[in-house]
Amino acid sequence: MKREYVRPMMRGEVFAANEYVAACGDSGVVYNFECNAGKRRNSYNVYFADGTPYASSNDDEEYYSRFTGYHPCYETHKAESDSGFRDGYMYLQDWWGDNTGERIDVVIWTEYGRNVHCTTNLDEDKWETAKS
């Protein structure tokens, strides 16, 4: 049987996205969360609404310990609507780490469970949103 020679052809296709496709983990609404609670050079003690001190996600022997040293970064972070916003409050911290001054009501958001960010804008319906 005789074979016929076929010249090799190189063909390629170009993918052109023509519609929005949701990425993995896409929950819908992404908030532009502004970390604006407090003054830049002060430190604050942060608590959840039930009075529990803010706890990091570290596997330390004492999981719930008073979180000291929150400082507002005044940056806007993109935060998924299901990423764990919690109601809470904070107090200005004195030199010894104790609460001082008036209670400041905040919404708490943690970035990757470790970096805490707080806002005094308590009405989530008025938060600016971004496309995810």
C-alpha atoms as a PDB file:
ATOM      1  CA  MET A   1       0.000   0.000   0.000  1.00  0.00           C
ATOM      2  CA  LYS A   2       1.385   3.323  -1.036  1.00  0.00           C
ATOM      3  CA  ARG A   3       1.121   6.297   1.354  1.00  0.00           C
ATOM      4  CA  GLU A   4       0.327   9.749   0.182  1.00  0.00           C
ATOM      5  CA  TYR A   5       2.494  12.571   1.515  1.00  0.00           C
ATOM      6  CA  VAL A   6       0.560  15.299   3.337  1.00  0.00           C
ATOM      7  CA  ARG A   7       2.342  18.534   4.066  1.00  0.00           C
ATOM      8  CA  PRO A   8       2.146  19.394   7.824  1.00  0.00           C
ATOM      9  CA  MET A   9      -0.032  22.433   8.537  1.00  0.00           C
ATOM     10  CA  MET A  10       0.207  24.546  11.629  1.00  0.00           C
ATOM     11  CA  ARG A  11      -3.088  26.015  12.714  1.00  0.00           C
ATOM     12  CA  GLY A  12      -3.921  27.858  15.883  1.00  0.00           C
ATOM     13  CA  GLU A  13      -6.981  29.262  17.454  1.00  0.00           C
ATOM     14  CA  VAL A  14      -7.271  32.440  19.448  1.00  0.00           C
ATOM     15  CA  PHE A  15      -9.491  32.511  22.506  1.00  0.00           C
ATOM     16  CA  ALA A  16     -11.482  35.705  22.742  1.00  0.00           C
ATOM     17  CA  ALA A  17     -13.630  36.034  25.840  1.00  0.00           C
ATOM     18  CA  ASN A  18     -17.005  37.345  24.842  1.00  0.00           C
ATOM     19  CA  GLU A  19     -18.864  37.003  28.129  1.00  0.00           C
ATOM     20  CA  TYR A  20     -18.208  37.184  31.864  1.00  0.00           C
ATOM     21  CA  VAL A  21     -17.333  33.887  33.513  1.00  0.00           C
ATOM     22  CA  ALA A  22     -17.298  33.650  37.311  1.00  0.00           C
ATOM     23  CA  ALA A  23     -14.008  32.601  38.844  1.00  0.00           C
ATOM     24  CA  CYS A  24     -13.662  29.968  41.532  1.00  0.00           C
ATOM     25  CA  GLY A  25     -14.822  31.219  44.905  1.00  0.00           C
ATOM     26  CA  ASP A  26     -16.760  34.081  43.412  1.00  0.00           C
ATOM     27  CA  SER A  27     -19.515  34.991  45.828  1.00  0.00           C
ATOM     28  CA  GLY A  28     -21.040  37.912  44.005  1.00  0.00           C
ATOM     29  CA  VAL A  29     -20.569  41.160  45.885  1.00  0.00           C
ATOM     30  CA  VAL A  30     -17.154  42.600  46.642  1.00  0.00           C
ATOM     31  CA  TYR A  31     -17.022  45.545  49.012  1.00  0.00           C
ATOM     32  CA  ASN A  32     -14.457  48.300  48.942  1.00  0.00           C
ATOM     33  CA  PHE A  33     -13.836  48.072  52.689  1.00  0.00           C
ATOM     34  CA  GLU A  34     -12.239  51.223  54.074  1.00  0.00           C
ATOM     35  CA  CYS A  35     -10.063  50.735  57.157  1.00  0.00           C
ATOM     36  CA  ASN A  36     -10.829  54.080  58.811  1.00  0.00           C
ATOM     37  CA  ALA A  37     -11.613  53.458  62.495  1.00  0.00           C
ATOM     38  CA  GLY A  38      -9.364  55.380  64.826  1.00  0.00           C
ATOM     39  CA  LYS A  39      -6.414  57.697  64.427  1.00  0.00           C
ATOM     40  CA  ARG A  40      -3.249  56.731  62.605  1.00  0.00           C
ATOM     41  CA  ARG A  41      -0.681  56.957  65.418  1.00  0.00           C
ATOM     42  CA  ASN A  42      -2.824  55.415  68.164  1.00  0.00           C
ATOM     43  CA  SER A  43      -3.260  51.787  69.221  1.00  0.00           C
ATOM     44  CA  TYR A  44      -6.638  50.199  69.954  1.00  0.00           C
ATOM     45  CA  ASN A  45      -8.036  47.107  71.672  1.00  0.00           C
ATOM     46  CA  VAL A  46     -10.632  45.446  69.412  1.00  0.00           C
ATOM     47  CA  TYR A  47     -13.565  43.313  70.645  1.00  0.00           C
ATOM     48  CA  PHE A  48     -16.378  41.394  68.972  1.00  0.00           C
ATOM     49  CA  ALA A  49     -19.948  42.543  69.763  1.00  0.00           C
ATOM     50  CA  ASP A  50     -20.373  39.841  72.442  1.00  0.00           C
ATOM     51  CA  GLY A  51     -17.379  41.211  74.374  1.00  0.00           C
ATOM     52  CA  THR A  52     -14.902  38.555  73.235  1.00  0.00           C
ATOM     53  CA  PRO A  53     -11.505  40.099  72.521  1.00  0.00           C
ATOM     54  CA  TYR A  54     -10.405  39.883  68.892  1.00  0.00           C
ATOM     55  CA  ALA A  55      -8.542  36.598  68.451  1.00  0.00           C
ATOM     56  CA  SER A  56      -6.111  35.785  65.690  1.00  0.00           C
ATOM     57  CA  SER A  57      -6.294  32.501  63.817  1.00  0.00           C
ATOM     58  CA  ASN A  58      -2.962  31.352  65.245  1.00  0.00           C
ATOM     59  CA  ASP A  59      -2.871  27.999  67.018  1.00  0.00           C
ATOM     60  CA  ASP A  60      -1.428  29.541  70.178  1.00  0.00           C
ATOM     61  CA  GLU A  61      -2.159  27.959  73.558  1.00  0.00           C
ATOM     62  CA  GLU A  62      -4.513  30.825  74.417  1.00  0.00           C
ATOM     63  CA  TYR A  63      -6.722  31.268  71.356  1.00  0.00           C
ATOM     64  CA  TYR A  64      -8.788  34.137  72.761  1.00  0.00           C
ATOM     65  CA  SER A  65      -6.479  36.826  73.935  1.00  0.00           C
ATOM     66  CA  ARG A  66      -6.834  40.565  73.868  1.00  0.00           C
ATOM     67  CA  PHE A  67      -5.723  41.874  70.498  1.00  0.00           C
ATOM     68  CA  THR A  68      -3.435  44.807  71.063  1.00  0.00           C
ATOM     69  CA  GLY A  69      -1.989  47.143  68.581  1.00  0.00           C
ATOM     70  CA  TYR A  70      -4.689  47.721  65.962  1.00  0.00           C
ATOM     71  CA  HIS A  71      -3.777  50.766  63.897  1.00  0.00           C
ATOM     72  CA  PRO A  72      -5.965  52.036  61.046  1.00  0.00           C
ATOM     73  CA  CYS A  73      -4.204  51.868  57.688  1.00  0.00           C
ATOM     74  CA  TYR A  74      -6.699  54.171  55.919  1.00  0.00           C
ATOM     75  CA  GLU A  75      -6.548  51.936  52.832  1.00  0.00           C
ATOM     76  CA  THR A  76      -9.485  50.543  50.890  1.00  0.00           C
ATOM     77  CA  HIS A  77      -9.462  46.745  50.671  1.00  0.00           C
ATOM     78  CA  LYS A  78     -11.492  44.555  48.309  1.00  0.00           C
ATOM     79  CA  ALA A  79     -13.430  42.163  50.546  1.00  0.00           C
ATOM     80  CA  GLU A  80     -15.827  39.390  49.483  1.00  0.00           C
ATOM     81  CA  SER A  81     -19.281  39.734  51.028  1.00  0.00           C
ATOM     82  CA  ASP A  82     -18.936  36.312  52.672  1.00  0.00           C
ATOM     83  CA  SER A  83     -15.426  36.866  54.045  1.00  0.00           C
ATOM     84  CA  GLY A  84     -16.443  37.279  57.661  1.00  0.00           C
ATOM     85  CA  PHE A  85     -17.553  40.770  58.601  1.00  0.00           C
ATOM     86  CA  ARG A  86     -18.279  41.007  62.328  1.00  0.00           C
ATOM     87  CA  ASP A  87     -19.834  43.707  64.455  1.00  0.00           C
ATOM     88  CA  GLY A  88     -17.650  44.901  67.265  1.00  0.00           C
ATOM     89  CA  TYR A  89     -16.167  47.819  69.118  1.00  0.00           C
ATOM     90  CA  MET A  90     -12.803  49.149  70.160  1.00  0.00           C
ATOM     91  CA  TYR A  91     -11.191  51.320  72.788  1.00  0.00           C
ATOM     92  CA  LEU A  92      -8.156  53.521  72.623  1.00  0.00           C
ATOM     93  CA  GLN A  93      -5.222  51.761  74.287  1.00  0.00           C
ATOM     94  CA  ASP A  94      -3.158  53.522  76.968  1.00  0.00           C
ATOM     95  CA  TRP A  95       0.588  53.003  77.561  1.00  0.00           C
ATOM     96  CA  TRP A  96      -0.101  49.837  79.593  1.00  0.00           C
ATOM     97  CA  GLY A  97      -2.458  48.300  77.016  1.00  0.00           C
ATOM     98  CA  ASP A  98      -5.610  49.065  79.007  1.00  0.00           C
ATOM     99  CA  ASN A  99      -8.807  50.543  77.573  1.00  0.00           C
ATOM    100  CA  THR A 100      -9.260  54.283  77.798  1.00  0.00           C
ATOM    101  CA  GLY A 101     -11.728  56.788  76.398  1.00  0.00           C
ATOM    102  CA  GLU A 102     -15.124  56.100  74.877  1.00  0.00           C
ATOM    103  CA  ARG A 103     -16.276  52.923  73.143  1.00  0.00           C
ATOM    104  CA  ILE A 104     -16.091  53.144  69.325  1.00  0.00           C
ATOM    105  CA  ASP A 105     -18.541  50.884  67.448  1.00  0.00           C
ATOM    106  CA  VAL A 106     -16.994  49.273  64.353  1.00  0.00           C
ATOM    107  CA  VAL A 107     -17.379  46.551  61.742  1.00  0.00           C
ATOM    108  CA  ILE A 108     -14.390  44.192  61.831  1.00  0.00           C
ATOM    109  CA  TRP A 109     -12.918  42.463  58.777  1.00  0.00           C
ATOM    110  CA  THR A 110      -9.844  40.254  58.862  1.00  0.00           C
ATOM    111  CA  GLU A 111      -7.587  39.790  55.873  1.00  0.00           C
ATOM    112  CA  TYR A 112      -6.609  36.106  55.691  1.00  0.00           C
ATOM    113  CA  GLY A 113      -7.684  35.713  59.323  1.00  0.00           C
ATOM    114  CA  ARG A 114      -4.728  37.670  60.605  1.00  0.00           C
ATOM    115  CA  ASN A 115      -4.660  41.345  59.632  1.00  0.00           C
ATOM    116  CA  VAL A 116      -7.520  43.165  61.314  1.00  0.00           C
ATOM    117  CA  HIS A 117      -9.225  46.125  59.670  1.00  0.00           C
ATOM    118  CA  CYS A 118     -12.080  48.175  61.146  1.00  0.00           C
ATOM    119  CA  THR A 119     -14.505  50.741  59.797  1.00  0.00           C
ATOM    120  CA  THR A 120     -16.838  53.149  61.521  1.00  0.00           C
ATOM    121  CA  ASN A 121     -19.222  53.001  58.538  1.00  0.00           C
ATOM    122  CA  LEU A 122     -21.683  50.586  60.170  1.00  0.00           C
ATOM    123  CA  ASP A 123     -24.325  50.482  57.397  1.00  0.00           C
ATOM    124  CA  GLU A 124     -23.179  47.795  54.936  1.00  0.00           C
ATOM    125  CA  ASP A 125     -25.911  48.848  52.482  1.00  0.00           C
ATOM    126  CA  LYS A 126     -24.045  52.121  51.952  1.00  0.00           C
ATOM    127  CA  TRP A 127     -20.644  50.534  51.322  1.00  0.00           C
ATOM    128  CA  GLU A 128     -19.163  51.009  47.876  1.00  0.00           C
ATOM    129  CA  THR A 129     -19.014  47.801  45.859  1.00  0.00           C
ATOM    130  CA  ALA A 130     -16.617  46.573  43.217  1.00  0.00           C
ATOM    131  CA  LYS A 131     -16.983  43.988  40.483  1.00  0.00           C
ATOM    132  CA  SER A 132     -15.403  40.705  41.536  1.00  0.00           C
END
